[in-house]
Amino acid sequence: EEAKASLYSTVHGAGRLFGRREAKRRFTRVEMDEWLQSRGVTLIGADLDESPMAYRRLPEVLAEHAGSVKVVHTLQPFAVVMAGEGEFDPFKD
C-alpha cells in the first residue's frame, strides 16, 4: 500500500550526508583511497567531492523505505570511473 501511495516511485540513491564543498574540506584523498581499497573498489578519476564517505549507507536508506521497495539483488561495485579534478563533467559543470 505504501508503494501504491507513492506511485511506485522510490529512492534512486543513498543521498548525501555532506555537500560537495564540505566533502572536499572534510576528507583527504588518502582517506578516500583507503576507504575504497578496504572494500576492494578501484577508482579511476573523481575528486573528493564524490568521496563515498560523504554519502549515506545504502542499507540504512533502504531500511527507511522498506514499505516501498523490495530488494531482490544487491550489487557490489568493484570499479568506479568518474571525471577527475580539472576535467569537464557535463553533469556538474
PDB file of N, CA and C in Angstrom:
ATOM      1  N   GLU A   1       0.816  -1.208   0.000  1.00  0.00           N
ATOM      2  CA  GLU A   1       0.000   0.000   0.000  1.00  0.00           C
ATOM      3  C   GLU A   1       0.854   1.264   0.000  1.00  0.00           C
ATOM      4  N   GLU A   2       1.968   1.224   0.729  1.00  0.00           N
ATOM      5  CA  GLU A   2       2.851   2.399   0.744  1.00  0.00           C
ATOM      6  C   GLU A   2       3.441   2.644  -0.638  1.00  0.00           C
ATOM      7  N   ALA A   3       3.808   1.567  -1.336  1.00  0.00           N
ATOM      8  CA  ALA A   3       4.353   1.713  -2.686  1.00  0.00           C
ATOM      9  C   ALA A   3       3.303   2.312  -3.614  1.00  0.00           C
ATOM     10  N   LYS A   4       2.079   1.851  -3.500  1.00  0.00           N
ATOM     11  CA  LYS A   4       0.993   2.377  -4.340  1.00  0.00           C
ATOM     12  C   LYS A   4       0.764   3.861  -4.046  1.00  0.00           C
ATOM     13  N   ALA A   5       0.776   4.216  -2.781  1.00  0.00           N
ATOM     14  CA  ALA A   5       0.561   5.612  -2.381  1.00  0.00           C
ATOM     15  C   ALA A   5       1.666   6.523  -2.898  1.00  0.00           C
ATOM     16  N   SER A   6       2.871   5.975  -3.073  1.00  0.00           N
ATOM     17  CA  SER A   6       3.984   6.783  -3.575  1.00  0.00           C
ATOM     18  C   SER A   6       4.133   6.638  -5.088  1.00  0.00           C
ATOM     19  N   LEU A   7       3.066   6.161  -5.748  1.00  0.00           N
ATOM     20  CA  LEU A   7       3.035   5.993  -7.207  1.00  0.00           C
ATOM     21  C   LEU A   7       4.151   5.060  -7.695  1.00  0.00           C
ATOM     22  N   TYR A   8       4.473   4.075  -6.885  1.00  0.00           N
ATOM     23  CA  TYR A   8       5.505   3.080  -7.206  1.00  0.00           C
ATOM     24  C   TYR A   8       6.858   3.721  -7.515  1.00  0.00           C
ATOM     25  N   SER A   9       7.118   4.832  -6.868  1.00  0.00           N
ATOM     26  CA  SER A   9       8.394   5.519  -7.002  1.00  0.00           C
ATOM     27  C   SER A   9       9.139   5.382  -5.679  1.00  0.00           C
ATOM     28  N   THR A  10      10.442   5.371  -5.749  1.00  0.00           N
ATOM     29  CA  THR A  10      11.219   5.247  -4.523  1.00  0.00           C
ATOM     30  C   THR A  10      12.566   5.943  -4.679  1.00  0.00           C
ATOM     31  N   VAL A  11      13.434   5.751  -3.717  1.00  0.00           N
ATOM     32  CA  VAL A  11      14.751   6.388  -3.721  1.00  0.00           C
ATOM     33  C   VAL A  11      15.550   5.942  -4.945  1.00  0.00           C
ATOM     34  N   HIS A  12      16.388   6.817  -5.460  1.00  0.00           N
ATOM     35  CA  HIS A  12      17.239   6.466  -6.590  1.00  0.00           C
ATOM     36  C   HIS A  12      18.719   6.504  -6.220  1.00  0.00           C
ATOM     37  N   GLY A  13      18.994   6.698  -4.962  1.00  0.00           N
ATOM     38  CA  GLY A  13      20.374   6.728  -4.494  1.00  0.00           C
ATOM     39  C   GLY A  13      20.387   6.886  -2.985  1.00  0.00           C
ATOM     40  N   ALA A  14      21.569   6.872  -2.422  1.00  0.00           N
ATOM     41  CA  ALA A  14      21.684   6.913  -0.968  1.00  0.00           C
ATOM     42  C   ALA A  14      21.538   8.319  -0.399  1.00  0.00           C
ATOM     43  N   GLY A  15      21.869   9.331  -1.171  1.00  0.00           N
ATOM     44  CA  GLY A  15      21.780  10.700  -0.663  1.00  0.00           C
ATOM     45  C   GLY A  15      23.036  11.107   0.091  1.00  0.00           C
ATOM     46  N   ARG A  16      23.280  12.376   0.100  1.00  0.00           N
ATOM     47  CA  ARG A  16      24.493  12.914   0.718  1.00  0.00           C
ATOM     48  C   ARG A  16      24.303  13.221   2.193  1.00  0.00           C
ATOM     49  N   LEU A  17      25.381  13.002   2.925  1.00  0.00           N
ATOM     50  CA  LEU A  17      25.486  13.495   4.293  1.00  0.00           C
ATOM     51  C   LEU A  17      26.143  14.870   4.291  1.00  0.00           C
ATOM     52  N   PHE A  18      27.056  15.074   3.326  1.00  0.00           N
ATOM     53  CA  PHE A  18      27.804  16.325   3.218  1.00  0.00           C
ATOM     54  C   PHE A  18      27.748  16.814   1.783  1.00  0.00           C
ATOM     55  N   GLY A  19      27.599  18.110   1.591  1.00  0.00           N
ATOM     56  CA  GLY A  19      27.621  18.706   0.263  1.00  0.00           C
ATOM     57  C   GLY A  19      29.002  18.587  -0.363  1.00  0.00           C
ATOM     58  N   ARG A  20      29.090  18.942  -1.633  1.00  0.00           N
ATOM     59  CA  ARG A  20      30.361  18.813  -2.359  1.00  0.00           C
ATOM     60  C   ARG A  20      31.481  19.617  -1.714  1.00  0.00           C
ATOM     61  N   ARG A  21      31.200  20.859  -1.382  1.00  0.00           N
ATOM     62  CA  ARG A  21      32.230  21.706  -0.771  1.00  0.00           C
ATOM     63  C   ARG A  21      32.682  21.157   0.584  1.00  0.00           C
ATOM     64  N   GLU A  22      31.705  20.727   1.387  1.00  0.00           N
ATOM     65  CA  GLU A  22      32.029  20.183   2.705  1.00  0.00           C
ATOM     66  C   GLU A  22      32.837  18.885   2.577  1.00  0.00           C
ATOM     67  N   ALA A  23      32.504  18.047   1.613  1.00  0.00           N
ATOM     68  CA  ALA A  23      33.246  16.797   1.408  1.00  0.00           C
ATOM     69  C   ALA A  23      34.706  17.097   1.064  1.00  0.00           C
ATOM     70  N   LYS A  24      34.938  18.099   0.224  1.00  0.00           N
ATOM     71  CA  LYS A  24      36.313  18.464  -0.138  1.00  0.00           C
ATOM     72  C   LYS A  24      37.089  18.997   1.062  1.00  0.00           C
ATOM     73  N   ARG A  25      36.392  19.675   1.966  1.00  0.00           N
ATOM     74  CA  ARG A  25      37.022  20.226   3.162  1.00  0.00           C
ATOM     75  C   ARG A  25      37.268  19.137   4.213  1.00  0.00           C
ATOM     76  N   ARG A  26      36.349  18.219   4.328  1.00  0.00           N
ATOM     77  CA  ARG A  26      36.333  17.246   5.415  1.00  0.00           C
ATOM     78  C   ARG A  26      37.236  16.026   5.182  1.00  0.00           C
ATOM     79  N   PHE A  27      37.353  15.578   3.933  1.00  0.00           N
ATOM     80  CA  PHE A  27      38.057  14.328   3.647  1.00  0.00           C
ATOM     81  C   PHE A  27      39.348  14.564   2.868  1.00  0.00           C
ATOM     82  N   THR A  28      40.271  13.623   3.007  1.00  0.00           N
ATOM     83  CA  THR A  28      41.519  13.685   2.244  1.00  0.00           C
ATOM     84  C   THR A  28      41.503  12.589   1.185  1.00  0.00           C
ATOM     85  N   ARG A  29      42.364  12.734   0.204  1.00  0.00           N
ATOM     86  CA  ARG A  29      42.488  11.709  -0.842  1.00  0.00           C
ATOM     87  C   ARG A  29      42.948  10.384  -0.233  1.00  0.00           C
ATOM     88  N   VAL A  30      43.832  10.455   0.747  1.00  0.00           N
ATOM     89  CA  VAL A  30      44.319   9.235   1.397  1.00  0.00           C
ATOM     90  C   VAL A  30      43.159   8.505   2.081  1.00  0.00           C
ATOM     91  N   GLU A  31      42.323   9.238   2.807  1.00  0.00           N
ATOM     92  CA  GLU A  31      41.164   8.627   3.467  1.00  0.00           C
ATOM     93  C   GLU A  31      40.238   7.973   2.457  1.00  0.00           C
ATOM     94  N   MET A  32      39.960   8.688   1.369  1.00  0.00           N
ATOM     95  CA  MET A  32      39.073   8.157   0.347  1.00  0.00           C
ATOM     96  C   MET A  32      39.659   6.904  -0.288  1.00  0.00           C
ATOM     97  N   ASP A  33      40.944   6.947  -0.634  1.00  0.00           N
ATOM     98  CA  ASP A  33      41.594   5.789  -1.252  1.00  0.00           C
ATOM     99  C   ASP A  33      41.607   4.591  -0.308  1.00  0.00           C
ATOM    100  N   GLU A  34      41.878   4.823   0.968  1.00  0.00           N
ATOM    101  CA  GLU A  34      41.880   3.728   1.947  1.00  0.00           C
ATOM    102  C   GLU A  34      40.488   3.132   2.105  1.00  0.00           C
ATOM    103  N   TRP A  35      39.460   3.991   2.130  1.00  0.00           N
ATOM    104  CA  TRP A  35      38.072   3.529   2.257  1.00  0.00           C
ATOM    105  C   TRP A  35      37.724   2.619   1.088  1.00  0.00           C
ATOM    106  N   LEU A  36      38.044   3.057  -0.117  1.00  0.00           N
ATOM    107  CA  LEU A  36      37.738   2.270  -1.309  1.00  0.00           C
ATOM    108  C   LEU A  36      38.555   0.979  -1.356  1.00  0.00           C
ATOM    109  N   GLN A  37      39.851   1.085  -1.054  1.00  0.00           N
ATOM    110  CA  GLN A  37      40.718  -0.093  -1.097  1.00  0.00           C
ATOM    111  C   GLN A  37      40.250  -1.153  -0.101  1.00  0.00           C
ATOM    112  N   SER A  38      39.813  -0.733   1.076  1.00  0.00           N
ATOM    113  CA  SER A  38      39.371  -1.703   2.095  1.00  0.00           C
ATOM    114  C   SER A  38      38.120  -2.463   1.646  1.00  0.00           C
ATOM    115  N   ARG A  39      37.428  -1.931   0.646  1.00  0.00           N
ATOM    116  CA  ARG A  39      36.222  -2.575   0.114  1.00  0.00           C
ATOM    117  C   ARG A  39      36.447  -3.186  -1.266  1.00  0.00           C
ATOM    118  N   GLY A  40      37.706  -3.161  -1.708  1.00  0.00           N
ATOM    119  CA  GLY A  40      38.055  -3.778  -2.980  1.00  0.00           C
ATOM    120  C   GLY A  40      37.544  -3.043  -4.200  1.00  0.00           C
ATOM    121  N   VAL A  41      37.395  -1.705  -4.092  1.00  0.00           N
ATOM    122  CA  VAL A  41      36.879  -0.905  -5.203  1.00  0.00           C
ATOM    123  C   VAL A  41      38.010  -0.112  -5.839  1.00  0.00           C
ATOM    124  N   THR A  42      38.137  -0.224  -7.156  1.00  0.00           N
ATOM    125  CA  THR A  42      39.113   0.548  -7.918  1.00  0.00           C
ATOM    126  C   THR A  42      38.447   1.832  -8.390  1.00  0.00           C
ATOM    127  N   LEU A  43      39.093   2.962  -8.172  1.00  0.00           N
ATOM    128  CA  LEU A  43      38.555   4.258  -8.583  1.00  0.00           C
ATOM    129  C   LEU A  43      39.434   4.850  -9.668  1.00  0.00           C
ATOM    130  N   ILE A  44      38.810   5.293 -10.740  1.00  0.00           N
ATOM    131  CA  ILE A  44      39.501   5.995 -11.818  1.00  0.00           C
ATOM    132  C   ILE A  44      38.835   7.355 -11.929  1.00  0.00           C
ATOM    133  N   GLY A  45      39.614   8.411 -11.760  1.00  0.00           N
ATOM    134  CA  GLY A  45      39.069   9.760 -11.800  1.00  0.00           C
ATOM    135  C   GLY A  45      38.473  10.132 -10.449  1.00  0.00           C
ATOM    136  N   ALA A  46      37.548  11.042 -10.472  1.00  0.00           N
ATOM    137  CA  ALA A  46      36.811  11.527  -9.290  1.00  0.00           C
ATOM    138  C   ALA A  46      37.656  12.468  -8.449  1.00  0.00           C
ATOM    139  N   ASP A  47      36.974  13.318  -7.746  1.00  0.00           N
ATOM    140  CA  ASP A  47      37.595  14.248  -6.825  1.00  0.00           C
ATOM    141  C   ASP A  47      36.951  14.020  -5.463  1.00  0.00           C
ATOM    142  N   LEU A  48      37.434  14.681  -4.454  1.00  0.00           N
ATOM    143  CA  LEU A  48      36.933  14.471  -3.092  1.00  0.00           C
ATOM    144  C   LEU A  48      35.466  14.828  -2.921  1.00  0.00           C
ATOM    145  N   ASP A  49      34.918  15.652  -3.817  1.00  0.00           N
ATOM    146  CA  ASP A  49      33.501  15.996  -3.686  1.00  0.00           C
ATOM    147  C   ASP A  49      32.598  14.777  -3.874  1.00  0.00           C
ATOM    148  N   GLU A  50      33.128  13.723  -4.498  1.00  0.00           N
ATOM    149  CA  GLU A  50      32.374  12.484  -4.684  1.00  0.00           C
ATOM    150  C   GLU A  50      32.850  11.387  -3.737  1.00  0.00           C
ATOM    151  N   SER A  51      33.518  11.758  -2.676  1.00  0.00           N
ATOM    152  CA  SER A  51      34.006  10.789  -1.713  1.00  0.00           C
ATOM    153  C   SER A  51      32.861   9.929  -1.193  1.00  0.00           C
ATOM    154  N   PRO A  52      33.028   8.615  -1.154  1.00  0.00           N
ATOM    155  CA  PRO A  52      31.946   7.756  -0.679  1.00  0.00           C
ATOM    156  C   PRO A  52      31.576   8.020   0.780  1.00  0.00           C
ATOM    157  N   MET A  53      32.498   8.583   1.556  1.00  0.00           N
ATOM    158  CA  MET A  53      32.184   8.889   2.948  1.00  0.00           C
ATOM    159  C   MET A  53      31.193  10.049   3.070  1.00  0.00           C
ATOM    160  N   ALA A  54      30.959  10.770   1.984  1.00  0.00           N
ATOM    161  CA  ALA A  54      30.017  11.895   2.002  1.00  0.00           C
ATOM    162  C   ALA A  54      28.574  11.438   1.795  1.00  0.00           C
ATOM    163  N   TYR A  55      28.379  10.131   1.588  1.00  0.00           N
ATOM    164  CA  TYR A  55      27.043   9.590   1.301  1.00  0.00           C
ATOM    165  C   TYR A  55      26.527   8.716   2.431  1.00  0.00           C
ATOM    166  N   ARG A  56      25.209   8.665   2.553  1.00  0.00           N
ATOM    167  CA  ARG A  56      24.580   7.746   3.485  1.00  0.00           C
ATOM    168  C   ARG A  56      24.846   6.315   3.026  1.00  0.00           C
ATOM    169  N   ARG A  57      24.821   5.389   3.955  1.00  0.00           N
ATOM    170  CA  ARG A  57      24.979   3.983   3.625  1.00  0.00           C
ATOM    171  C   ARG A  57      23.644   3.452   3.091  1.00  0.00           C
ATOM    172  N   LEU A  58      23.708   2.776   1.982  1.00  0.00           N
ATOM    173  CA  LEU A  58      22.514   2.313   1.290  1.00  0.00           C
ATOM    174  C   LEU A  58      21.620   1.401   2.137  1.00  0.00           C
ATOM    175  N   PRO A  59      22.148   0.445   2.903  1.00  0.00           N
ATOM    176  CA  PRO A  59      21.256  -0.390   3.712  1.00  0.00           C
ATOM    177  C   PRO A  59      20.385   0.407   4.681  1.00  0.00           C
ATOM    178  N   GLU A  60      20.941   1.473   5.236  1.00  0.00           N
ATOM    179  CA  GLU A  60      20.164   2.323   6.145  1.00  0.00           C
ATOM    180  C   GLU A  60      19.052   3.050   5.389  1.00  0.00           C
ATOM    181  N   VAL A  61      19.365   3.523   4.192  1.00  0.00           N
ATOM    182  CA  VAL A  61      18.367   4.222   3.377  1.00  0.00           C
ATOM    183  C   VAL A  61      17.261   3.251   2.980  1.00  0.00           C
ATOM    184  N   LEU A  62      17.638   2.064   2.538  1.00  0.00           N
ATOM    185  CA  LEU A  62      16.637   1.078   2.133  1.00  0.00           C
ATOM    186  C   LEU A  62      15.746   0.665   3.302  1.00  0.00           C
ATOM    187  N   ALA A  63      16.309   0.567   4.490  1.00  0.00           N
ATOM    188  CA  ALA A  63      15.521   0.215   5.671  1.00  0.00           C
ATOM    189  C   ALA A  63      14.438   1.252   5.931  1.00  0.00           C
ATOM    190  N   GLU A  64      14.740   2.523   5.670  1.00  0.00           N
ATOM    191  CA  GLU A  64      13.756   3.597   5.858  1.00  0.00           C
ATOM    192  C   GLU A  64      12.622   3.522   4.832  1.00  0.00           C
ATOM    193  N   HIS A  65      12.874   2.841   3.718  1.00  0.00           N
ATOM    194  CA  HIS A  65      11.894   2.753   2.641  1.00  0.00           C
ATOM    195  C   HIS A  65      11.378   1.324   2.469  1.00  0.00           C
ATOM    196  N   ALA A  66      11.433   0.551   3.525  1.00  0.00           N
ATOM    197  CA  ALA A  66      11.068  -0.866   3.453  1.00  0.00           C
ATOM    198  C   ALA A  66       9.652  -1.083   2.924  1.00  0.00           C
ATOM    199  N   GLY A  67       8.755  -0.148   3.137  1.00  0.00           N
ATOM    200  CA  GLY A  67       7.383  -0.308   2.661  1.00  0.00           C
ATOM    201  C   GLY A  67       7.213  -0.055   1.177  1.00  0.00           C
ATOM    202  N   SER A  68       8.199   0.574   0.548  1.00  0.00           N
ATOM    203  CA  SER A  68       8.039   0.916  -0.871  1.00  0.00           C
ATOM    204  C   SER A  68       9.047   0.220  -1.776  1.00  0.00           C
ATOM    205  N   VAL A  69       9.946  -0.579  -1.196  1.00  0.00           N
ATOM    206  CA  VAL A  69      10.919  -1.300  -2.012  1.00  0.00           C
ATOM    207  C   VAL A  69      11.014  -2.746  -1.543  1.00  0.00           C
ATOM    208  N   LYS A  70      11.395  -3.595  -2.470  1.00  0.00           N
ATOM    209  CA  LYS A  70      11.712  -4.982  -2.154  1.00  0.00           C
ATOM    210  C   LYS A  70      13.057  -5.257  -2.807  1.00  0.00           C
ATOM    211  N   VAL A  71      14.073  -5.460  -1.999  1.00  0.00           N
ATOM    212  CA  VAL A  71      15.419  -5.703  -2.525  1.00  0.00           C
ATOM    213  C   VAL A  71      15.466  -7.137  -3.042  1.00  0.00           C
ATOM    214  N   VAL A  72      15.736  -7.261  -4.322  1.00  0.00           N
ATOM    215  CA  VAL A  72      15.812  -8.567  -4.962  1.00  0.00           C
ATOM    216  C   VAL A  72      17.260  -9.003  -5.099  1.00  0.00           C
ATOM    217  N   HIS A  73      18.142  -8.046  -5.351  1.00  0.00           N
ATOM    218  CA  HIS A  73      19.549  -8.364  -5.558  1.00  0.00           C
ATOM    219  C   HIS A  73      20.379  -7.142  -5.182  1.00  0.00           C
ATOM    220  N   THR A  74      21.518  -7.360  -4.620  1.00  0.00           N
ATOM    221  CA  THR A  74      22.422  -6.269  -4.253  1.00  0.00           C
ATOM    222  C   THR A  74      23.717  -6.419  -5.040  1.00  0.00           C
ATOM    223  N   LEU A  75      24.094  -5.366  -5.714  1.00  0.00           N
ATOM    224  CA  LEU A  75      25.346  -5.356  -6.473  1.00  0.00           C
ATOM    225  C   LEU A  75      26.458  -4.783  -5.606  1.00  0.00           C
ATOM    226  N   GLN A  76      27.643  -5.327  -5.732  1.00  0.00           N
ATOM    227  CA  GLN A  76      28.813  -4.819  -5.034  1.00  0.00           C
ATOM    228  C   GLN A  76      29.756  -4.223  -6.076  1.00  0.00           C
ATOM    229  N   PRO A  77      30.007  -2.927  -6.014  1.00  0.00           N
ATOM    230  CA  PRO A  77      30.890  -2.325  -7.017  1.00  0.00           C
ATOM    231  C   PRO A  77      32.325  -2.814  -6.867  1.00  0.00           C
ATOM    232  N   PHE A  78      33.000  -2.939  -7.994  1.00  0.00           N
ATOM    233  CA  PHE A  78      34.418  -3.280  -7.971  1.00  0.00           C
ATOM    234  C   PHE A  78      35.242  -2.202  -8.656  1.00  0.00           C
ATOM    235  N   ALA A  79      34.569  -1.309  -9.412  1.00  0.00           N
ATOM    236  CA  ALA A  79      35.263  -0.207 -10.074  1.00  0.00           C
ATOM    237  C   ALA A  79      34.300   0.954 -10.270  1.00  0.00           C
ATOM    238  N   VAL A  80      34.831   2.155 -10.168  1.00  0.00           N
ATOM    239  CA  VAL A  80      34.072   3.383 -10.384  1.00  0.00           C
ATOM    240  C   VAL A  80      34.916   4.274 -11.273  1.00  0.00           C
ATOM    241  N   VAL A  81      34.322   4.797 -12.352  1.00  0.00           N
ATOM    242  CA  VAL A  81      35.034   5.687 -13.266  1.00  0.00           C
ATOM    243  C   VAL A  81      34.268   7.001 -13.312  1.00  0.00           C
ATOM    244  N   MET A  82      34.960   8.094 -13.009  1.00  0.00           N
ATOM    245  CA  MET A  82      34.343   9.421 -12.983  1.00  0.00           C
ATOM    246  C   MET A  82      35.324  10.446 -13.534  1.00  0.00           C
ATOM    247  N   ALA A  83      34.783  11.588 -13.920  1.00  0.00           N
ATOM    248  CA  ALA A  83      35.651  12.694 -14.332  1.00  0.00           C
ATOM    249  C   ALA A  83      36.485  13.109 -13.122  1.00  0.00           C
ATOM    250  N   GLY A  84      37.762  13.313 -13.332  1.00  0.00           N
ATOM    251  CA  GLY A  84      38.649  13.721 -12.255  1.00  0.00           C
ATOM    252  C   GLY A  84      38.700  15.236 -12.118  1.00  0.00           C
ATOM    253  N   GLU A  85      39.459  15.689 -11.152  1.00  0.00           N
ATOM    254  CA  GLU A  85      39.635  17.121 -10.923  1.00  0.00           C
ATOM    255  C   GLU A  85      40.215  17.767 -12.175  1.00  0.00           C
ATOM    256  N   GLY A  86      39.651  18.875 -12.588  1.00  0.00           N
ATOM    257  CA  GLY A  86      40.141  19.596 -13.749  1.00  0.00           C
ATOM    258  C   GLY A  86      39.599  19.086 -15.074  1.00  0.00           C
ATOM    259  N   GLU A  87      38.773  18.041 -15.042  1.00  0.00           N
ATOM    260  CA  GLU A  87      38.157  17.533 -16.264  1.00  0.00           C
ATOM    261  C   GLU A  87      36.727  18.051 -16.358  1.00  0.00           C
ATOM    262  N   PHE A  88      36.264  18.321 -17.558  1.00  0.00           N
ATOM    263  CA  PHE A  88      34.908  18.793 -17.751  1.00  0.00           C
ATOM    264  C   PHE A  88      33.922  17.667 -17.459  1.00  0.00           C
ATOM    265  N   ASP A  89      32.962  17.933 -16.607  1.00  0.00           N
ATOM    266  CA  ASP A  89      31.898  16.991 -16.287  1.00  0.00           C
ATOM    267  C   ASP A  89      30.580  17.674 -16.605  1.00  0.00           C
ATOM    268  N   PRO A  90      29.883  17.252 -17.651  1.00  0.00           N
ATOM    269  CA  PRO A  90      28.646  17.931 -18.049  1.00  0.00           C
ATOM    270  C   PRO A  90      27.559  17.863 -17.003  1.00  0.00           C
ATOM    271  N   PHE A  91      27.654  16.949 -16.051  1.00  0.00           N
ATOM    272  CA  PHE A  91      26.630  16.835 -15.027  1.00  0.00           C
ATOM    273  C   PHE A  91      26.898  17.727 -13.831  1.00  0.00           C
ATOM    274  N   LYS A  92      28.131  18.238 -13.703  1.00  0.00           N
ATOM    275  CA  LYS A  92      28.471  19.159 -12.621  1.00  0.00           C
ATOM    276  C   LYS A  92      28.772  20.554 -13.138  1.00  0.00           C
ATOM    277  N   ASP A  93      29.322  20.663 -14.347  1.00  0.00           N
ATOM    278  CA  ASP A  93      29.798  21.949 -14.872  1.00  0.00           C
ATOM    279  C   ASP A  93      28.723  22.653 -15.673  1.00  0.00           C
TER     280      ASP A  93
END
